[in-house]
Amino acid sequence: VGVKYSIEAVNKGLDTSLAEGFLLEASLFAICAGTEDKKEGTSAFLA
């Protein structure tokens, strides 16, 4: 999910203003933060 949304943020950011790009990045970051992979990634890092 992080890979997918990183690609999307870069691609769509090329067609928007910097402010809109920041907003898109924050929105996609929030989606990532609610995933099981985020829980797994942070837990694995700490462990």
All heavy atoms as atom14 arrays in JSON, in Angstrom:
{
  "sequence": "VGVKYSIEAVNKGLDTSLAEGFLLEASLFAICAGTEDKKEGTSAFLA",
  "atom14_mask": [
    [1, 1, 1, 1, 1, 1, 1, 0, 0, 0, 0, 0, 0, 0],
    [1, 1, 1, 1, 0, 0, 0, 0, 0, 0, 0, 0, 0, 0],
    [1, 1, 1, 1, 1, 1, 1, 0, 0, 0, 0, 0, 0, 0],
    [1, 1, 1, 1, 1, 1, 1, 1, 1, 0, 0, 0, 0, 0],
    [1, 1, 1, 1, 1, 1, 1, 1, 1, 1, 1, 1, 0, 0],
    [1, 1, 1, 1, 1, 1, 0, 0, 0, 0, 0, 0, 0, 0],
    [1, 1, 1, 1, 1, 1, 1, 1, 0, 0, 0, 0, 0, 0],
    [1, 1, 1, 1, 1, 1, 1, 1, 1, 0, 0, 0, 0, 0],
    [1, 1, 1, 1, 1, 0, 0, 0, 0, 0, 0, 0, 0, 0],
    [1, 1, 1, 1, 1, 1, 1, 0, 0, 0, 0, 0, 0, 0],
    [1, 1, 1, 1, 1, 1, 1, 1, 0, 0, 0, 0, 0, 0],
    [1, 1, 1, 1, 1, 1, 1, 1, 1, 0, 0, 0, 0, 0],
    [1, 1, 1, 1, 0, 0, 0, 0, 0, 0, 0, 0, 0, 0],
    [1, 1, 1, 1, 1, 1, 1, 1, 0, 0, 0, 0, 0, 0],
    [1, 1, 1, 1, 1, 1, 1, 1, 0, 0, 0, 0, 0, 0],
    [1, 1, 1, 1, 1, 1, 1, 0, 0, 0, 0, 0, 0, 0],
    [1, 1, 1, 1, 1, 1, 0, 0, 0, 0, 0, 0, 0, 0],
    [1, 1, 1, 1, 1, 1, 1, 1, 0, 0, 0, 0, 0, 0],
    [1, 1, 1, 1, 1, 0, 0, 0, 0, 0, 0, 0, 0, 0],
    [1, 1, 1, 1, 1, 1, 1, 1, 1, 0, 0, 0, 0, 0],
    [1, 1, 1, 1, 0, 0, 0, 0, 0, 0, 0, 0, 0, 0],
    [1, 1, 1, 1, 1, 1, 1, 1, 1, 1, 1, 0, 0, 0],
    [1, 1, 1, 1, 1, 1, 1, 1, 0, 0, 0, 0, 0, 0],
    [1, 1, 1, 1, 1, 1, 1, 1, 0, 0, 0, 0, 0, 0],
    [1, 1, 1, 1, 1, 1, 1, 1, 1, 0, 0, 0, 0, 0],
    [1, 1, 1, 1, 1, 0, 0, 0, 0, 0, 0, 0, 0, 0],
    [1, 1, 1, 1, 1, 1, 0, 0, 0, 0, 0, 0, 0, 0],
    [1, 1, 1, 1, 1, 1, 1, 1, 0, 0, 0, 0, 0, 0],
    [1, 1, 1, 1, 1, 1, 1, 1, 1, 1, 1, 0, 0, 0],
    [1, 1, 1, 1, 1, 0, 0, 0, 0, 0, 0, 0, 0, 0],
    [1, 1, 1, 1, 1, 1, 1, 1, 0, 0, 0, 0, 0, 0],
    [1, 1, 1, 1, 1, 1, 0, 0, 0, 0, 0, 0, 0, 0],
    [1, 1, 1, 1, 1, 0, 0, 0, 0, 0, 0, 0, 0, 0],
    [1, 1, 1, 1, 0, 0, 0, 0, 0, 0, 0, 0, 0, 0],
    [1, 1, 1, 1, 1, 1, 1, 0, 0, 0, 0, 0, 0, 0],
    [1, 1, 1, 1, 1, 1, 1, 1, 1, 0, 0, 0, 0, 0],
    [1, 1, 1, 1, 1, 1, 1, 1, 0, 0, 0, 0, 0, 0],
    [1, 1, 1, 1, 1, 1, 1, 1, 1, 0, 0, 0, 0, 0],
    [1, 1, 1, 1, 1, 1, 1, 1, 1, 0, 0, 0, 0, 0],
    [1, 1, 1, 1, 1, 1, 1, 1, 1, 0, 0, 0, 0, 0],
    [1, 1, 1, 1, 0, 0, 0, 0, 0, 0, 0, 0, 0, 0],
    [1, 1, 1, 1, 1, 1, 1, 0, 0, 0, 0, 0, 0, 0],
    [1, 1, 1, 1, 1, 1, 0, 0, 0, 0, 0, 0, 0, 0],
    [1, 1, 1, 1, 1, 0, 0, 0, 0, 0, 0, 0, 0, 0],
    [1, 1, 1, 1, 1, 1, 1, 1, 1, 1, 1, 0, 0, 0],
    [1, 1, 1, 1, 1, 1, 1, 1, 0, 0, 0, 0, 0, 0],
    [1, 1, 1, 1, 1, 0, 0, 0, 0, 0, 0, 0, 0, 0]
  ],
  "atom14_positions": [
    [[0.84, -1.2, 0.0], [0.0, 0.0, 0.0], [0.87, 1.25, 0.0], [0.59, 2.22, -0.71], [-0.96, 0.0, 1.2], [-1.76, 1.3, 1.25], [-1.9, -1.19, 1.13], [0.0, 0.0, 0.0], [0.0, 0.0, 0.0], [0.0, 0.0, 0.0], [0.0, 0.0, 0.0], [0.0, 0.0, 0.0], [0.0, 0.0, 0.0], [0.0, 0.0, 0.0]],
    [[1.94, 1.23, 0.77], [2.86, 2.36, 0.8], [3.51, 2.59, -0.55], [3.67, 3.73, -1.01], [0.0, 0.0, 0.0], [0.0, 0.0, 0.0], [0.0, 0.0, 0.0], [0.0, 0.0, 0.0], [0.0, 0.0, 0.0], [0.0, 0.0, 0.0], [0.0, 0.0, 0.0], [0.0, 0.0, 0.0], [0.0, 0.0, 0.0], [0.0, 0.0, 0.0]],
    [[3.89, 1.51, -1.22], [4.49, 1.61, -2.56], [3.47, 2.18, -3.55], [3.76, 3.1, -4.32], [5.0, 0.23, -3.03], [5.37, 0.26, -4.52], [6.21, -0.2, -2.2], [0.0, 0.0, 0.0], [0.0, 0.0, 0.0], [0.0, 0.0, 0.0], [0.0, 0.0, 0.0], [0.0, 0.0, 0.0], [0.0, 0.0, 0.0], [0.0, 0.0, 0.0]],
    [[2.26, 1.62, -3.53], [1.21, 2.06, -4.45], [0.93, 3.55, -4.3], [0.88, 4.3, -5.3], [-0.07, 1.27, -4.19], [-1.26, 1.74, -5.01], [-2.53, 0.96, -4.64], [-3.74, 1.47, -5.42], [-4.97, 0.73, -5.07], [0.0, 0.0, 0.0], [0.0, 0.0, 0.0], [0.0, 0.0, 0.0], [0.0, 0.0, 0.0], [0.0, 0.0, 0.0]],
    [[0.75, 4.01, -3.07], [0.38, 5.4, -2.87], [1.56, 6.35, -3.06], [1.37, 7.53, -3.39], [-0.28, 5.59, -1.51], [-1.68, 5.03, -1.46], [-2.16, 4.34, -0.36], [-2.55, 5.19, -2.55], [-3.45, 3.82, -0.32], [-3.83, 4.67, -2.52], [-4.28, 3.99, -1.41], [-5.55, 3.48, -1.39], [0.0, 0.0, 0.0], [0.0, 0.0, 0.0]],
    [[2.78, 5.86, -2.86], [3.94, 6.69, -3.17], [4.0, 6.97, -4.67], [4.27, 8.11, -5.09], [5.22, 5.98, -2.72], [5.29, 5.88, -1.32], [0.0, 0.0, 0.0], [0.0, 0.0, 0.0], [0.0, 0.0, 0.0], [0.0, 0.0, 0.0], [0.0, 0.0, 0.0], [0.0, 0.0, 0.0], [0.0, 0.0, 0.0], [0.0, 0.0, 0.0]],
    [[3.76, 5.94, -5.48], [3.73, 6.12, -6.93], [2.63, 7.11, -7.31], [2.84, 8.02, -8.12], [3.52, 4.77, -7.65], [4.73, 3.86, -7.44], [3.28, 4.99, -9.14], [4.52, 2.44, -7.94], [0.0, 0.0, 0.0], [0.0, 0.0, 0.0], [0.0, 0.0, 0.0], [0.0, 0.0, 0.0], [0.0, 0.0, 0.0], [0.0, 0.0, 0.0]],
    [[1.46, 6.94, -6.71], [0.33, 7.83, -7.03], [0.62, 9.27, -6.65], [0.32, 10.2, -7.41], [-0.93, 7.35, -6.31], [-2.16, 8.17, -6.63], [-3.44, 7.63, -6.01], [-3.48, 6.42, -5.68], [-4.4, 8.41, -5.85], [0.0, 0.0, 0.0], [0.0, 0.0, 0.0], [0.0, 0.0, 0.0], [0.0, 0.0, 0.0], [0.0, 0.0, 0.0]],
    [[1.23, 9.48, -5.49], [1.52, 10.84, -5.04], [2.52, 11.52, -5.97], [2.36, 12.7, -6.31], [2.06, 10.81, -3.61], [0.0, 0.0, 0.0], [0.0, 0.0, 0.0], [0.0, 0.0, 0.0], [0.0, 0.0, 0.0], [0.0, 0.0, 0.0], [0.0, 0.0, 0.0], [0.0, 0.0, 0.0], [0.0, 0.0, 0.0], [0.0, 0.0, 0.0]],
    [[3.54, 10.79, -6.39], [4.53, 11.37, -7.31], [3.89, 11.68, -8.66], [4.04, 12.77, -9.22], [5.73, 10.42, -7.48], [6.64, 10.91, -8.61], [6.53, 10.33, -6.18], [0.0, 0.0, 0.0], [0.0, 0.0, 0.0], [0.0, 0.0, 0.0], [0.0, 0.0, 0.0], [0.0, 0.0, 0.0], [0.0, 0.0, 0.0], [0.0, 0.0, 0.0]],
    [[3.14, 10.71, -9.21], [2.55, 10.91, -10.54], [1.54, 12.05, -10.55], [1.56, 12.92, -11.42], [1.88, 9.62, -11.02], [2.87, 8.54, -11.39], [4.07, 8.8, -11.52], [2.4, 7.33, -11.58], [0.0, 0.0, 0.0], [0.0, 0.0, 0.0], [0.0, 0.0, 0.0], [0.0, 0.0, 0.0], [0.0, 0.0, 0.0], [0.0, 0.0, 0.0]],
    [[0.62, 12.05, -9.6], [-0.42, 13.08, -9.59], [0.14, 14.43, -9.15], [-0.37, 15.47, -9.55], [-1.57, 12.65, -8.68], [-2.38, 11.5, -9.25], [-3.61, 11.2, -8.42], [-4.47, 10.11, -9.07], [-5.66, 9.77, -8.26], [0.0, 0.0, 0.0], [0.0, 0.0, 0.0], [0.0, 0.0, 0.0], [0.0, 0.0, 0.0], [0.0, 0.0, 0.0]],
    [[1.18, 14.4, -8.35], [1.78, 15.65, -7.91], [2.37, 16.46, -9.03], [2.46, 17.69, -8.96], [0.0, 0.0, 0.0], [0.0, 0.0, 0.0], [0.0, 0.0, 0.0], [0.0, 0.0, 0.0], [0.0, 0.0, 0.0], [0.0, 0.0, 0.0], [0.0, 0.0, 0.0], [0.0, 0.0, 0.0], [0.0, 0.0, 0.0], [0.0, 0.0, 0.0]],
    [[2.75, 15.79, -10.11], [3.31, 16.5, -11.26], [2.27, 17.39, -11.93], [2.62, 18.35, -12.63], [3.84, 15.48, -12.29], [5.06, 14.66, -11.86], [5.34, 13.56, -12.87], [6.28, 15.56, -11.7], [0.0, 0.0, 0.0], [0.0, 0.0, 0.0], [0.0, 0.0, 0.0], [0.0, 0.0, 0.0], [0.0, 0.0, 0.0], [0.0, 0.0, 0.0]],
    [[0.99, 17.07, -11.74], [-0.09, 17.79, -12.43], [-0.81, 18.78, -11.53], [-1.84, 19.34, -11.9], [-1.12, 16.79, -12.98], [-0.5, 15.81, -13.96], [0.38, 16.23, -14.73], [-0.9, 14.63, -13.94], [0.0, 0.0, 0.0], [0.0, 0.0, 0.0], [0.0, 0.0, 0.0], [0.0, 0.0, 0.0], [0.0, 0.0, 0.0], [0.0, 0.0, 0.0]],
    [[-0.27, 19.01, -10.34], [-0.95, 19.89, -9.39], [0.02, 20.94, -8.86], [1.23, 20.9, -9.1], [-1.5, 19.1, -8.19], [-0.38, 18.55, -7.44], [-2.39, 17.96, -8.63], [0.0, 0.0, 0.0], [0.0, 0.0, 0.0], [0.0, 0.0, 0.0], [0.0, 0.0, 0.0], [0.0, 0.0, 0.0], [0.0, 0.0, 0.0], [0.0, 0.0, 0.0]],
    [[-0.52, 21.9, -8.12], [0.33, 22.87, -7.43], [1.02, 22.19, -6.26], [0.63, 21.08, -5.84], [-0.52, 24.04, -6.91], [-1.39, 23.59, -5.88], [0.0, 0.0, 0.0], [0.0, 0.0, 0.0], [0.0, 0.0, 0.0], [0.0, 0.0, 0.0], [0.0, 0.0, 0.0], [0.0, 0.0, 0.0], [0.0, 0.0, 0.0], [0.0, 0.0, 0.0]],
    [[2.03, 22.84, -5.71], [2.73, 22.28, -4.56], [1.78, 22.1, -3.38], [1.81, 21.07, -2.69], [3.9, 23.18, -4.16], [4.81, 22.66, -3.04], [5.45, 21.33, -3.44], [5.9, 23.69, -2.72], [0.0, 0.0, 0.0], [0.0, 0.0, 0.0], [0.0, 0.0, 0.0], [0.0, 0.0, 0.0], [0.0, 0.0, 0.0], [0.0, 0.0, 0.0]],
    [[0.9, 23.07, -3.16], [-0.05, 22.98, -2.05], [-1.0, 21.79, -2.24], [-1.29, 21.05, -1.28], [-0.85, 24.27, -1.93], [0.0, 0.0, 0.0], [0.0, 0.0, 0.0], [0.0, 0.0, 0.0], [0.0, 0.0, 0.0], [0.0, 0.0, 0.0], [0.0, 0.0, 0.0], [0.0, 0.0, 0.0], [0.0, 0.0, 0.0], [0.0, 0.0, 0.0]],
    [[-1.47, 21.59, -3.47], [-2.36, 20.46, -3.74], [-1.61, 19.14, -3.61], [-2.16, 18.14, -3.15], [-2.96, 20.6, -5.15], [-3.96, 21.74, -5.27], [-4.36, 22.01, -6.71], [-3.54, 21.81, -7.61], [-5.51, 22.43, -6.92], [0.0, 0.0, 0.0], [0.0, 0.0, 0.0], [0.0, 0.0, 0.0], [0.0, 0.0, 0.0], [0.0, 0.0, 0.0]],
    [[-0.34, 19.16, -4.01], [0.48, 17.96, -3.87], [0.68, 17.59, -2.41], [0.63, 16.4, -2.05], [0.0, 0.0, 0.0], [0.0, 0.0, 0.0], [0.0, 0.0, 0.0], [0.0, 0.0, 0.0], [0.0, 0.0, 0.0], [0.0, 0.0, 0.0], [0.0, 0.0, 0.0], [0.0, 0.0, 0.0], [0.0, 0.0, 0.0], [0.0, 0.0, 0.0]],
    [[0.89, 18.6, -1.56], [1.02, 18.34, -0.12], [-0.26, 17.75, 0.44], [-0.24, 16.83, 1.26], [1.35, 19.64, 0.63], [2.79, 20.08, 0.52], [3.13, 21.41, 0.69], [3.79, 19.17, 0.24], [4.45, 21.82, 0.61], [5.12, 19.57, 0.15], [5.44, 20.9, 0.33], [0.0, 0.0, 0.0], [0.0, 0.0, 0.0], [0.0, 0.0, 0.0]],
    [[-1.41, 18.28, 0.01], [-2.69, 17.78, 0.5], [-2.9, 16.33, 0.08], [-3.34, 15.5, 0.88], [-3.82, 18.66, -0.03], [-5.24, 18.27, 0.43], [-5.36, 18.34, 1.95], [-6.27, 19.19, -0.22], [0.0, 0.0, 0.0], [0.0, 0.0, 0.0], [0.0, 0.0, 0.0], [0.0, 0.0, 0.0], [0.0, 0.0, 0.0], [0.0, 0.0, 0.0]],
    [[-2.58, 16.02, -1.17], [-2.7, 14.64, -1.66], [-1.79, 13.72, -0.85], [-2.2, 12.63, -0.43], [-2.33, 14.58, -3.14], [-2.24, 13.18, -3.75], [-3.59, 12.48, -3.73], [-1.7, 13.26, -5.19], [0.0, 0.0, 0.0], [0.0, 0.0, 0.0], [0.0, 0.0, 0.0], [0.0, 0.0, 0.0], [0.0, 0.0, 0.0], [0.0, 0.0, 0.0]],
    [[-0.55, 14.15, -0.62], [0.41, 13.35, 0.15], [-0.13, 13.06, 1.55], [-0.08, 11.92, 2.03], [1.75, 14.07, 0.23], [2.82, 13.3, 0.98], [4.11, 14.1, 1.06], [4.2, 14.99, 1.94], [5.02, 13.84, 0.25], [0.0, 0.0, 0.0], [0.0, 0.0, 0.0], [0.0, 0.0, 0.0], [0.0, 0.0, 0.0], [0.0, 0.0, 0.0]],
    [[-0.66, 14.09, 2.19], [-1.19, 13.91, 3.56], [-2.38, 12.96, 3.57], [-2.51, 12.13, 4.48], [-1.59, 15.27, 4.13], [0.0, 0.0, 0.0], [0.0, 0.0, 0.0], [0.0, 0.0, 0.0], [0.0, 0.0, 0.0], [0.0, 0.0, 0.0], [0.0, 0.0, 0.0], [0.0, 0.0, 0.0], [0.0, 0.0, 0.0], [0.0, 0.0, 0.0]],
    [[-3.23, 13.05, 2.55], [-4.4, 12.17, 2.48], [-3.99, 10.72, 2.29], [-4.53, 9.82, 2.94], [-5.32, 12.62, 1.34], [-5.79, 13.94, 1.55], [0.0, 0.0, 0.0], [0.0, 0.0, 0.0], [0.0, 0.0, 0.0], [0.0, 0.0, 0.0], [0.0, 0.0, 0.0], [0.0, 0.0, 0.0], [0.0, 0.0, 0.0], [0.0, 0.0, 0.0]],
    [[-3.05, 10.49, 1.41], [-2.59, 9.13, 1.15], [-1.8, 8.58, 2.34], [-1.89, 7.39, 2.66], [-1.75, 9.09, -0.13], [-2.5, 9.43, -1.42], [-1.55, 9.47, -2.61], [-3.63, 8.44, -1.68], [0.0, 0.0, 0.0], [0.0, 0.0, 0.0], [0.0, 0.0, 0.0], [0.0, 0.0, 0.0], [0.0, 0.0, 0.0], [0.0, 0.0, 0.0]],
    [[-1.04, 9.45, 3.0], [-0.32, 9.03, 4.22], [-1.32, 8.57, 5.27], [-1.1, 7.56, 5.96], [0.5, 10.21, 4.75], [1.41, 9.85, 5.9], [2.74, 9.55, 5.69], [0.92, 9.83, 7.21], [3.57, 9.22, 6.76], [1.73, 9.49, 8.28], [3.07, 9.19, 8.05], [0.0, 0.0, 0.0], [0.0, 0.0, 0.0], [0.0, 0.0, 0.0]],
    [[-2.44, 9.29, 5.39], [-3.45, 8.93, 6.37], [-4.06, 7.57, 6.07], [-4.32, 6.77, 6.99], [-4.55, 10.0, 6.4], [0.0, 0.0, 0.0], [0.0, 0.0, 0.0], [0.0, 0.0, 0.0], [0.0, 0.0, 0.0], [0.0, 0.0, 0.0], [0.0, 0.0, 0.0], [0.0, 0.0, 0.0], [0.0, 0.0, 0.0], [0.0, 0.0, 0.0]],
    [[-4.28, 7.28, 4.79], [-4.8, 5.96, 4.41], [-3.81, 4.88, 4.82], [-4.18, 3.86, 5.4], [-5.07, 5.9, 2.9], [-6.21, 6.86, 2.53], [-5.44, 4.48, 2.48], [-6.44, 7.0, 1.04], [0.0, 0.0, 0.0], [0.0, 0.0, 0.0], [0.0, 0.0, 0.0], [0.0, 0.0, 0.0], [0.0, 0.0, 0.0], [0.0, 0.0, 0.0]],
    [[-2.53, 5.11, 4.54], [-1.5, 4.14, 4.92], [-1.48, 3.91, 6.43], [-1.3, 2.78, 6.9], [-0.12, 4.62, 4.46], [0.15, 4.64, 2.68], [0.0, 0.0, 0.0], [0.0, 0.0, 0.0], [0.0, 0.0, 0.0], [0.0, 0.0, 0.0], [0.0, 0.0, 0.0], [0.0, 0.0, 0.0], [0.0, 0.0, 0.0], [0.0, 0.0, 0.0]],
    [[-1.68, 4.99, 7.18], [-1.61, 4.91, 8.64], [-2.71, 4.04, 9.22], [-2.58, 3.55, 10.35], [-1.67, 6.31, 9.24], [0.0, 0.0, 0.0], [0.0, 0.0, 0.0], [0.0, 0.0, 0.0], [0.0, 0.0, 0.0], [0.0, 0.0, 0.0], [0.0, 0.0, 0.0], [0.0, 0.0, 0.0], [0.0, 0.0, 0.0], [0.0, 0.0, 0.0]],
    [[-3.78, 3.82, 8.46], [-4.87, 2.99, 8.96], [-4.8, 1.54, 8.51], [-5.73, 0.77, 8.77], [0.0, 0.0, 0.0], [0.0, 0.0, 0.0], [0.0, 0.0, 0.0], [0.0, 0.0, 0.0], [0.0, 0.0, 0.0], [0.0, 0.0, 0.0], [0.0, 0.0, 0.0], [0.0, 0.0, 0.0], [0.0, 0.0, 0.0], [0.0, 0.0, 0.0]],
    [[-3.7, 1.13, 7.88], [-3.61, -0.22, 7.34], [-2.99, -1.2, 8.35], [-2.27, -0.79, 9.27], [-2.75, -0.25, 6.06], [-1.41, 0.16, 6.38], [-3.32, 0.67, 5.0], [0.0, 0.0, 0.0], [0.0, 0.0, 0.0], [0.0, 0.0, 0.0], [0.0, 0.0, 0.0], [0.0, 0.0, 0.0], [0.0, 0.0, 0.0], [0.0, 0.0, 0.0]],
    [[-3.25, -2.47, 8.1], [-2.62, -3.52, 8.9], [-1.1, -3.53, 8.66], [-0.33, -3.84, 9.57], [-3.21, -4.88, 8.53], [-4.66, -5.05, 8.96], [-5.22, -6.41, 8.58], [-4.41, -7.35, 8.43], [-6.45, -6.53, 8.43], [0.0, 0.0, 0.0], [0.0, 0.0, 0.0], [0.0, 0.0, 0.0], [0.0, 0.0, 0.0], [0.0, 0.0, 0.0]],
    [[-0.7, -3.19, 7.44], [0.73, -3.18, 7.14], [1.47, -2.12, 7.96], [2.64, -2.33, 8.34], [0.96, -2.92, 5.65], [0.81, -4.18, 4.82], [0.64, -5.27, 5.41], [0.87, -4.09, 3.57], [0.0, 0.0, 0.0], [0.0, 0.0, 0.0], [0.0, 0.0, 0.0], [0.0, 0.0, 0.0], [0.0, 0.0, 0.0], [0.0, 0.0, 0.0]],
    [[0.83, -1.0, 8.24], [1.47, 0.02, 9.08], [1.68, -0.53, 10.49], [2.74, -0.35, 11.1], [0.63, 1.29, 9.1], [1.18, 2.39, 10.02], [0.41, 2.43, 11.33], [0.86, 3.6, 12.2], [0.11, 3.66, 13.47], [0.0, 0.0, 0.0], [0.0, 0.0, 0.0], [0.0, 0.0, 0.0], [0.0, 0.0, 0.0], [0.0, 0.0, 0.0]],
    [[0.65, -1.23, 11.02], [0.8, -1.83, 12.35], [1.91, -2.87, 12.35], [2.73, -2.92, 13.28], [-0.52, -2.49, 12.77], [-1.68, -1.51, 12.97], [-2.96, -2.25, 13.32], [-4.13, -1.29, 13.46], [-5.4, -1.99, 13.74], [0.0, 0.0, 0.0], [0.0, 0.0, 0.0], [0.0, 0.0, 0.0], [0.0, 0.0, 0.0], [0.0, 0.0, 0.0]],
    [[1.94, -3.68, 11.3], [2.97, -4.71, 11.2], [4.35, -4.09, 11.04], [5.31, -4.52, 11.68], [2.67, -5.64, 10.01], [3.8, -6.57, 9.61], [4.21, -7.57, 10.68], [3.48, -7.71, 11.68], [5.28, -8.19, 10.52], [0.0, 0.0, 0.0], [0.0, 0.0, 0.0], [0.0, 0.0, 0.0], [0.0, 0.0, 0.0], [0.0, 0.0, 0.0]],
    [[4.45, -3.07, 10.2], [5.76, -2.45, 9.96], [6.33, -1.79, 11.19], [7.52, -1.95, 11.5], [0.0, 0.0, 0.0], [0.0, 0.0, 0.0], [0.0, 0.0, 0.0], [0.0, 0.0, 0.0], [0.0, 0.0, 0.0], [0.0, 0.0, 0.0], [0.0, 0.0, 0.0], [0.0, 0.0, 0.0], [0.0, 0.0, 0.0], [0.0, 0.0, 0.0]],
    [[5.5, -1.06, 11.91], [5.99, -0.39, 13.12], [6.29, -1.4, 14.23], [7.29, -1.27, 14.95], [4.97, 0.66, 13.61], [3.68, 0.04, 13.75], [4.87, 1.82, 12.64], [0.0, 0.0, 0.0], [0.0, 0.0, 0.0], [0.0, 0.0, 0.0], [0.0, 0.0, 0.0], [0.0, 0.0, 0.0], [0.0, 0.0, 0.0], [0.0, 0.0, 0.0]],
    [[5.44, -2.43, 14.34], [5.68, -3.46, 15.35], [6.98, -4.22, 15.07], [7.78, -4.49, 15.98], [4.51, -4.45, 15.39], [3.32, -3.82, 15.78], [0.0, 0.0, 0.0], [0.0, 0.0, 0.0], [0.0, 0.0, 0.0], [0.0, 0.0, 0.0], [0.0, 0.0, 0.0], [0.0, 0.0, 0.0], [0.0, 0.0, 0.0], [0.0, 0.0, 0.0]],
    [[7.19, -4.55, 13.79], [8.41, -5.27, 13.42], [9.65, -4.43, 13.68], [10.67, -4.93, 14.15], [8.33, -5.67, 11.94], [0.0, 0.0, 0.0], [0.0, 0.0, 0.0], [0.0, 0.0, 0.0], [0.0, 0.0, 0.0], [0.0, 0.0, 0.0], [0.0, 0.0, 0.0], [0.0, 0.0, 0.0], [0.0, 0.0, 0.0], [0.0, 0.0, 0.0]],
    [[9.56, -3.14, 13.38], [10.69, -2.24, 13.61], [11.04, -2.2, 15.09], [12.22, -2.32, 15.46], [10.36, -0.84, 13.1], [11.47, 0.16, 13.31], [12.5, 0.28, 12.4], [11.49, 0.97, 14.45], [13.53, 1.19, 12.6], [12.51, 1.88, 14.66], [13.54, 1.99, 13.73], [0.0, 0.0, 0.0], [0.0, 0.0, 0.0], [0.0, 0.0, 0.0]],
    [[10.03, -2.03, 15.93], [10.27, -1.94, 17.38], [10.76, -3.26, 17.96], [11.53, -3.28, 18.92], [8.99, -1.48, 18.09], [8.53, -0.06, 17.76], [7.16, 0.22, 18.37], [9.56, 0.97, 18.24], [0.0, 0.0, 0.0], [0.0, 0.0, 0.0], [0.0, 0.0, 0.0], [0.0, 0.0, 0.0], [0.0, 0.0, 0.0], [0.0, 0.0, 0.0]],
    [[10.31, -4.37, 17.35], [10.73, -5.7, 17.83], [12.03, -6.16, 17.17], [12.52, -7.25, 17.46], [9.63, -6.71, 17.56], [0.0, 0.0, 0.0], [0.0, 0.0, 0.0], [0.0, 0.0, 0.0], [0.0, 0.0, 0.0], [0.0, 0.0, 0.0], [0.0, 0.0, 0.0], [0.0, 0.0, 0.0], [0.0, 0.0, 0.0], [0.0, 0.0, 0.0]]
  ]
}
